Amino acid sequence: MIGKIVMIIGLLGVLLGAAVLLISLLLPVVTDGRTSWDEALLGIIPGAFVLTISFIIFVAGLIVVLVQRKKKRQLQPSQVVSQP
């Protein structure tokens, strides 16, 4: 359960970081130079930072979920049907 929560938080962070990064990268192009690249860096750097950290959190949550799933399968009795 905790792995899914961590994974969802990481995914939301990835989406947020990607949105901030994309908007900040497009800002100088869309505004026809009214926004300089120096001003856009105020959004690019934090967006890239949030994207990177959130991706790491997402991967950690995914690993926890996969490990829990593997443990759960190992604890179940094998349902091998023997043939006569």
C-alpha atoms as a PDB file:
ATOM      1  CA  MET A   1       0.000   0.000   0.000  1.00  0.00           C
ATOM      2  CA  ILE A   2       2.759   2.449   0.893  1.00  0.00           C
ATOM      3  CA  GLY A   3       4.522   1.665  -2.367  1.00  0.00           C
ATOM      4  CA  LYS A   4       1.477   2.674  -4.395  1.00  0.00           C
ATOM      5  CA  ILE A   5       1.175   5.940  -2.484  1.00  0.00           C
ATOM      6  CA  VAL A   6       4.852   6.747  -3.054  1.00  0.00           C
ATOM      7  CA  MET A   7       4.488   5.840  -6.723  1.00  0.00           C
ATOM      8  CA  ILE A   8       1.439   8.098  -7.166  1.00  0.00           C
ATOM      9  CA  ILE A   9       3.180  11.009  -5.424  1.00  0.00           C
ATOM     10  CA  GLY A  10       6.192  10.495  -7.677  1.00  0.00           C
ATOM     11  CA  LEU A  11       4.010  10.387 -10.778  1.00  0.00           C
ATOM     12  CA  LEU A  12       2.242  13.610  -9.801  1.00  0.00           C
ATOM     13  CA  GLY A  13       5.609  15.251  -9.208  1.00  0.00           C
ATOM     14  CA  VAL A  14       6.842  14.083 -12.609  1.00  0.00           C
ATOM     15  CA  LEU A  15       3.776  15.591 -14.265  1.00  0.00           C
ATOM     16  CA  LEU A  16       4.208  18.853 -12.363  1.00  0.00           C
ATOM     17  CA  GLY A  17       7.924  19.090 -13.114  1.00  0.00           C
ATOM     18  CA  ALA A  18       7.387  18.271 -16.787  1.00  0.00           C
ATOM     19  CA  ALA A  19       4.660  20.911 -17.098  1.00  0.00           C
ATOM     20  CA  VAL A  20       6.787  23.623 -15.459  1.00  0.00           C
ATOM     21  CA  LEU A  21       9.815  22.678 -17.542  1.00  0.00           C
ATOM     22  CA  LEU A  22       7.870  22.600 -20.813  1.00  0.00           C
ATOM     23  CA  ILE A  23       6.114  25.910 -20.187  1.00  0.00           C
ATOM     24  CA  SER A  24       9.369  27.571 -19.149  1.00  0.00           C
ATOM     25  CA  LEU A  25      11.143  26.263 -22.248  1.00  0.00           C
ATOM     26  CA  LEU A  26       8.369  27.484 -24.540  1.00  0.00           C
ATOM     27  CA  LEU A  27       7.990  30.892 -22.881  1.00  0.00           C
ATOM     28  CA  PRO A  28      10.722  32.786 -24.799  1.00  0.00           C
ATOM     29  CA  VAL A  29       9.601  31.292 -28.118  1.00  0.00           C
ATOM     30  CA  VAL A  30       5.886  31.938 -27.650  1.00  0.00           C
ATOM     31  CA  THR A  31       6.299  35.512 -26.396  1.00  0.00           C
ATOM     32  CA  ASP A  32       8.482  36.495 -29.386  1.00  0.00           C
ATOM     33  CA  GLY A  33      11.461  37.420 -27.245  1.00  0.00           C
ATOM     34  CA  ARG A  34       9.638  39.496 -24.631  1.00  0.00           C
ATOM     35  CA  THR A  35      10.787  36.913 -22.117  1.00  0.00           C
ATOM     36  CA  SER A  36      14.514  36.346 -22.118  1.00  0.00           C
ATOM     37  CA  TRP A  37      16.167  32.980 -21.610  1.00  0.00           C
ATOM     38  CA  ASP A  38      17.626  34.314 -18.354  1.00  0.00           C
ATOM     39  CA  GLU A  39      14.107  34.913 -17.059  1.00  0.00           C
ATOM     40  CA  ALA A  40      12.949  31.524 -18.336  1.00  0.00           C
ATOM     41  CA  LEU A  41      15.753  29.842 -16.380  1.00  0.00           C
ATOM     42  CA  LEU A  42      13.841  30.780 -13.203  1.00  0.00           C
ATOM     43  CA  GLY A  43      11.334  28.103 -14.218  1.00  0.00           C
ATOM     44  CA  ILE A  44      13.570  25.730 -16.152  1.00  0.00           C
ATOM     45  CA  ILE A  45      15.936  24.934 -13.290  1.00  0.00           C
ATOM     46  CA  PRO A  46      13.273  24.212 -10.628  1.00  0.00           C
ATOM     47  CA  GLY A  47      11.174  22.300 -13.169  1.00  0.00           C
ATOM     48  CA  ALA A  48      14.106  20.072 -14.077  1.00  0.00           C
ATOM     49  CA  PHE A  49      14.942  19.591 -10.384  1.00  0.00           C
ATOM     50  CA  VAL A  50      11.366  18.602  -9.456  1.00  0.00           C
ATOM     51  CA  LEU A  51      11.164  16.329 -12.501  1.00  0.00           C
ATOM     52  CA  THR A  52      14.383  14.532 -11.583  1.00  0.00           C
ATOM     53  CA  ILE A  53      13.621  14.089  -7.878  1.00  0.00           C
ATOM     54  CA  SER A  54      10.040  12.998  -8.587  1.00  0.00           C
ATOM     55  CA  PHE A  55      11.212  10.458 -11.143  1.00  0.00           C
ATOM     56  CA  ILE A  56      13.536   8.948  -8.544  1.00  0.00           C
ATOM     57  CA  ILE A  57      10.637   8.812  -6.046  1.00  0.00           C
ATOM     58  CA  PHE A  58       8.404   7.192  -8.691  1.00  0.00           C
ATOM     59  CA  VAL A  59      11.015   4.520  -9.467  1.00  0.00           C
ATOM     60  CA  ALA A  60      11.495   3.812  -5.743  1.00  0.00           C
ATOM     61  CA  GLY A  61       7.732   3.348  -5.320  1.00  0.00           C
ATOM     62  CA  LEU A  62       7.612   1.104  -8.369  1.00  0.00           C
ATOM     63  CA  ILE A  63      10.402  -1.065  -6.962  1.00  0.00           C
ATOM     64  CA  VAL A  64       8.578  -1.380  -3.622  1.00  0.00           C
ATOM     65  CA  VAL A  65       5.352  -2.396  -5.393  1.00  0.00           C
ATOM     66  CA  LEU A  66       7.130  -4.978  -7.539  1.00  0.00           C
ATOM     67  CA  VAL A  67       9.000  -6.455  -4.552  1.00  0.00           C
ATOM     68  CA  GLN A  68       5.766  -6.721  -2.563  1.00  0.00           C
ATOM     69  CA  ARG A  69       4.037  -8.396  -5.494  1.00  0.00           C
ATOM     70  CA  LYS A  70       6.881 -10.890  -5.855  1.00  0.00           C
ATOM     71  CA  LYS A  71       6.788 -11.720  -2.132  1.00  0.00           C
ATOM     72  CA  LYS A  72       3.029 -12.193  -2.281  1.00  0.00           C
ATOM     73  CA  ARG A  73       3.357 -14.660  -5.177  1.00  0.00           C
ATOM     74  CA  GLN A  74       6.060 -16.628  -3.367  1.00  0.00           C
ATOM     75  CA  LEU A  75       3.881 -17.006  -0.274  1.00  0.00           C
ATOM     76  CA  GLN A  76       0.959 -18.465  -2.226  1.00  0.00           C
ATOM     77  CA  PRO A  77       0.982 -22.237  -2.564  1.00  0.00           C
ATOM     78  CA  SER A  78       1.862 -23.375  -6.036  1.00  0.00           C
ATOM     79  CA  GLN A  79      -1.169 -24.489  -7.949  1.00  0.00           C
ATOM     80  CA  VAL A  80       0.506 -26.983 -10.227  1.00  0.00           C
ATOM     81  CA  VAL A  81      -1.910 -29.558 -11.536  1.00  0.00           C
ATOM     82  CA  SER A  82      -0.380 -32.989 -11.766  1.00  0.00           C
ATOM     83  CA  GLN A  83      -1.399 -35.094 -14.718  1.00  0.00           C
ATOM     84  CA  PRO A  84      -2.249 -38.785 -14.169  1.00  0.00           C
END
